[in-house]
Amino acid sequence: MEAIFNQKYRIVIPILICILLCFNYPIAIAETGENITPDLENTPIENLTFTTPSEDLSEWELSVSVSEDSQNITKLKLETQICVYDPILCHAPEIIDMTNTNNSWRGVITTLEKHSYVNWRIHILYENESEILIPERSEGYAKVWSTCWEIMQDQEIITGGEKCDNIIEESKGNISGFPIFSAIISITFATIIVKKNQ
């Protein structure tokens, strides 16, 4: 009885690992190349617009409208971090003051050559010197992707964007096949264990 239980246990573990890999993979693909915008609920920001996609060596602009009910706001700052490829690295974050016209705030930066995306967040400062971040640090940055981007994911280079002519289809093929490959390995491993226990 114990031998049968151990045999089933050894089969189930690889199958569960395979299922988890297959479920997790589409989430990673959905995030790649898609802009990330913060949740504005329960914030003083009513509306938010930004340049998308961003372009190399061009102005990237973010504009926000603050609720008229919001009081004691003294300043908005825009924090940005530009990530480039060739080589793949993210530059140190930079913070600039946003300009204000009738509760409409605007921040503009110039992007870098061969940039993949711009990480960004907004700092809202009040008269009492308190500050809130949108999105919060615990939530990471908001993100806008460029017209041509390249990133490293699972030790593979992925390229994309509406103005990228040399998209690496082979890399996409290798990555998209990863869950199937894992499934084959898991099933083979389970079969070997069963044969050894017979």
Protein backbone atom coordinates (compact mmCIF):
# COMPACT_ATOMS: atom_id res chain seq x y z
CA MET A 1 0.00 0.00 0.00
CA GLU A 2 2.78 2.40 0.94
CA ALA A 3 4.63 1.59 -2.31
CA ILE A 4 1.53 2.46 -4.37
CA PHE A 5 1.13 5.78 -2.48
CA ASN A 6 4.79 6.69 -3.07
CA GLN A 7 4.45 5.81 -6.74
CA LYS A 8 1.40 8.09 -7.17
CA TYR A 9 3.12 10.85 -5.20
CA ARG A 10 6.14 10.75 -7.50
CA ILE A 11 3.91 11.02 -10.58
CA VAL A 12 1.79 13.88 -9.25
CA ILE A 13 4.69 16.23 -8.37
CA PRO A 14 6.09 16.60 -11.93
CA ILE A 15 2.59 17.02 -13.34
CA LEU A 16 1.79 19.79 -10.84
CA ILE A 17 5.05 21.58 -11.72
CA CYS A 18 4.14 21.39 -15.39
CA ILE A 19 0.64 22.79 -14.77
CA LEU A 20 2.05 25.71 -12.76
CA LEU A 21 4.51 26.57 -15.52
CA CYS A 22 1.79 26.52 -18.15
CA PHE A 23 -0.50 28.77 -16.11
CA ASN A 24 2.21 31.27 -15.19
CA TYR A 25 3.65 31.71 -18.66
CA PRO A 26 0.79 33.64 -20.34
CA ILE A 27 0.93 36.23 -17.55
CA ALA A 28 4.58 37.05 -18.39
CA ILE A 29 3.74 37.36 -22.09
CA ALA A 30 0.77 39.68 -21.36
CA GLU A 31 3.03 42.08 -19.48
CA THR A 32 5.75 42.25 -22.12
CA GLY A 33 5.20 45.16 -24.50
CA GLU A 34 2.04 46.38 -22.75
CA ASN A 35 1.89 49.73 -20.96
CA ILE A 36 1.32 49.69 -17.21
CA THR A 37 -0.84 52.51 -15.85
CA PRO A 38 -1.56 53.18 -12.17
CA ASP A 39 -4.95 52.85 -10.50
CA LEU A 40 -6.24 56.40 -9.94
CA GLU A 41 -9.04 55.42 -7.60
CA ASN A 42 -8.82 57.17 -4.21
CA THR A 43 -6.21 59.61 -5.55
CA PRO A 44 -6.53 63.35 -6.23
CA ILE A 45 -5.82 62.70 -9.93
CA GLU A 46 -8.92 62.82 -12.15
CA ASN A 47 -7.34 62.21 -15.53
CA LEU A 48 -3.98 61.12 -16.87
CA THR A 49 -2.55 61.06 -20.39
CA PHE A 50 0.92 60.28 -21.72
CA THR A 51 2.77 59.86 -25.00
CA THR A 52 2.54 56.27 -26.21
CA PRO A 53 4.51 54.65 -27.63
CA SER A 54 7.62 56.59 -26.71
CA GLU A 55 10.18 57.31 -29.43
CA ASP A 56 13.97 57.51 -29.34
CA LEU A 57 15.49 60.97 -28.75
CA SER A 58 12.04 62.56 -28.60
CA GLU A 59 9.95 64.39 -26.04
CA TRP A 60 7.87 62.13 -23.82
CA GLU A 61 5.05 63.97 -22.06
CA LEU A 62 2.79 63.12 -19.15
CA SER A 63 -0.18 65.31 -18.21
CA VAL A 64 -2.52 64.95 -15.23
CA SER A 65 -5.61 66.80 -14.09
CA VAL A 66 -6.02 67.20 -10.35
CA SER A 67 -9.46 67.32 -8.73
CA GLU A 68 -10.65 70.82 -7.81
CA ASP A 69 -11.66 69.41 -4.43
CA SER A 70 -8.05 68.55 -3.70
CA GLN A 71 -6.54 71.17 -1.46
CA ASN A 72 -3.12 71.99 -0.10
CA ILE A 73 -1.27 70.42 -3.03
CA THR A 74 1.86 72.49 -3.56
CA LYS A 75 3.74 70.57 -6.21
CA LEU A 76 3.75 67.56 -8.50
CA LYS A 77 6.98 65.88 -9.53
CA LEU A 78 7.58 63.33 -12.26
CA GLU A 79 10.02 60.51 -11.59
CA THR A 80 11.27 58.64 -14.65
CA GLN A 81 13.73 55.85 -15.32
CA ILE A 82 14.74 55.06 -18.90
CA CYS A 83 15.76 51.51 -19.76
CA VAL A 84 17.78 50.87 -22.91
CA TYR A 85 19.14 47.93 -24.87
CA ASP A 86 22.57 47.32 -26.41
CA PRO A 87 23.58 46.92 -23.64
CA ILE A 88 20.42 46.13 -21.66
CA LEU A 89 20.41 48.40 -18.60
CA CYS A 90 18.24 50.87 -16.70
CA HIS A 91 19.60 54.33 -15.97
CA ALA A 92 19.27 55.92 -12.53
CA PRO A 93 15.83 57.48 -11.89
CA GLU A 94 15.48 61.25 -12.41
CA ILE A 95 12.90 63.58 -10.87
CA ILE A 96 11.65 66.83 -12.44
CA ASP A 97 9.09 69.44 -11.33
CA MET A 98 5.85 69.40 -13.31
CA THR A 99 4.37 72.70 -14.51
CA ASN A 100 0.88 73.70 -13.38
CA THR A 101 -1.85 75.51 -15.34
CA ASN A 102 -5.32 75.55 -13.71
CA ASN A 103 -4.86 72.22 -11.90
CA SER A 104 -3.48 70.63 -15.06
CA TRP A 105 0.09 69.46 -14.50
CA ARG A 106 2.60 68.62 -17.23
CA GLY A 107 6.00 66.93 -17.23
CA VAL A 108 8.26 66.46 -20.25
CA ILE A 109 11.50 64.51 -20.67
CA THR A 110 13.66 63.60 -23.67
CA THR A 111 14.12 59.89 -24.22
CA LEU A 112 17.41 58.16 -25.00
CA GLU A 113 18.57 56.35 -28.10
CA LYS A 114 17.79 52.61 -28.22
CA HIS A 115 15.44 52.80 -25.24
CA SER A 116 13.03 49.95 -24.59
CA TYR A 117 10.69 51.65 -22.15
CA VAL A 118 10.22 54.48 -19.66
CA ASN A 119 9.36 53.68 -16.04
CA TRP A 120 7.49 56.50 -14.32
CA ARG A 121 5.63 57.60 -11.19
CA ILE A 122 4.14 60.83 -9.85
CA HIS A 123 5.05 62.49 -6.55
CA ILE A 124 2.27 64.64 -5.03
CA LEU A 125 3.50 67.06 -2.36
CA TYR A 126 1.29 68.88 0.17
CA GLU A 127 1.66 72.03 2.25
CA ASN A 128 2.28 69.99 5.41
CA GLU A 129 5.28 68.42 3.59
CA SER A 130 3.57 65.03 3.30
CA GLU A 131 3.93 63.17 0.02
CA ILE A 132 2.09 60.40 -1.83
CA LEU A 133 3.37 58.39 -4.76
CA ILE A 134 1.34 57.15 -7.71
CA PRO A 135 1.95 54.27 -8.07
CA GLU A 136 3.36 53.47 -4.62
CA ARG A 137 6.90 52.07 -4.41
CA SER A 138 5.51 48.69 -3.34
CA GLU A 139 3.60 48.54 -6.64
CA GLY A 140 6.66 49.28 -8.77
CA TYR A 141 6.71 51.75 -11.64
CA ALA A 142 4.11 52.56 -14.26
CA LYS A 143 5.59 51.85 -17.70
CA VAL A 144 5.36 52.97 -21.32
CA TRP A 145 7.04 50.95 -24.08
CA SER A 146 8.91 52.43 -27.03
CA THR A 147 8.34 52.04 -30.76
CA CYS A 148 11.19 49.51 -30.77
CA TRP A 149 12.19 47.55 -27.68
CA GLU A 150 14.39 44.67 -26.71
CA ILE A 151 14.53 42.88 -23.36
CA MET A 152 16.05 39.78 -21.81
CA GLN A 153 13.48 37.30 -20.50
CA ASP A 154 14.24 33.77 -19.32
CA GLN A 155 17.74 34.13 -20.81
CA GLU A 156 16.28 34.87 -24.25
CA ILE A 157 16.27 38.16 -26.18
CA ILE A 158 12.77 39.37 -27.08
CA THR A 159 12.29 42.25 -29.53
CA GLY A 160 9.11 44.10 -30.42
CA GLY A 161 7.46 47.41 -31.21
CA GLU A 162 5.65 48.92 -34.18
CA LYS A 163 8.86 50.30 -35.73
CA CYS A 164 11.12 47.29 -35.20
CA ASP A 165 11.96 45.57 -38.49
CA ASN A 166 14.19 42.86 -37.04
CA ILE A 167 11.90 41.11 -34.55
CA ILE A 168 13.57 37.89 -33.34
CA GLU A 169 10.94 35.30 -34.18
CA GLU A 170 13.23 32.45 -33.16
CA SER A 171 13.49 33.76 -29.62
CA LYS A 172 9.73 34.03 -29.40
CA GLY A 173 9.43 30.48 -30.67
CA ASN A 174 11.91 29.20 -28.10
CA ILE A 175 10.18 30.95 -25.23
CA SER A 176 6.65 30.04 -26.25
CA GLY A 177 7.69 26.41 -26.44
CA PHE A 178 9.09 26.39 -22.92
CA PRO A 179 5.92 25.08 -21.17
CA ILE A 180 5.54 22.28 -23.74
CA PHE A 181 9.18 21.32 -23.31
CA SER A 182 8.71 21.26 -19.53
CA ALA A 183 5.64 19.08 -19.92
CA ILE A 184 7.59 16.55 -22.00
CA ILE A 185 10.42 16.49 -19.44
CA SER A 186 7.97 16.06 -16.56
CA ILE A 187 6.05 13.23 -18.22
CA THR A 188 9.29 11.46 -19.20
CA PHE A 189 10.57 11.81 -15.64
CA ALA A 190 7.33 10.37 -14.25
CA THR A 191 7.47 7.43 -16.68
CA ILE A 192 11.04 6.57 -15.63
CA ILE A 193 10.04 6.57 -11.96
CA VAL A 194 7.05 4.30 -12.64
CA LYS A 195 9.21 1.81 -14.54
CA LYS A 196 11.79 1.72 -11.75
CA ASN A 197 9.09 0.97 -9.18
CA GLN A 198 7.48 -1.85 -11.18
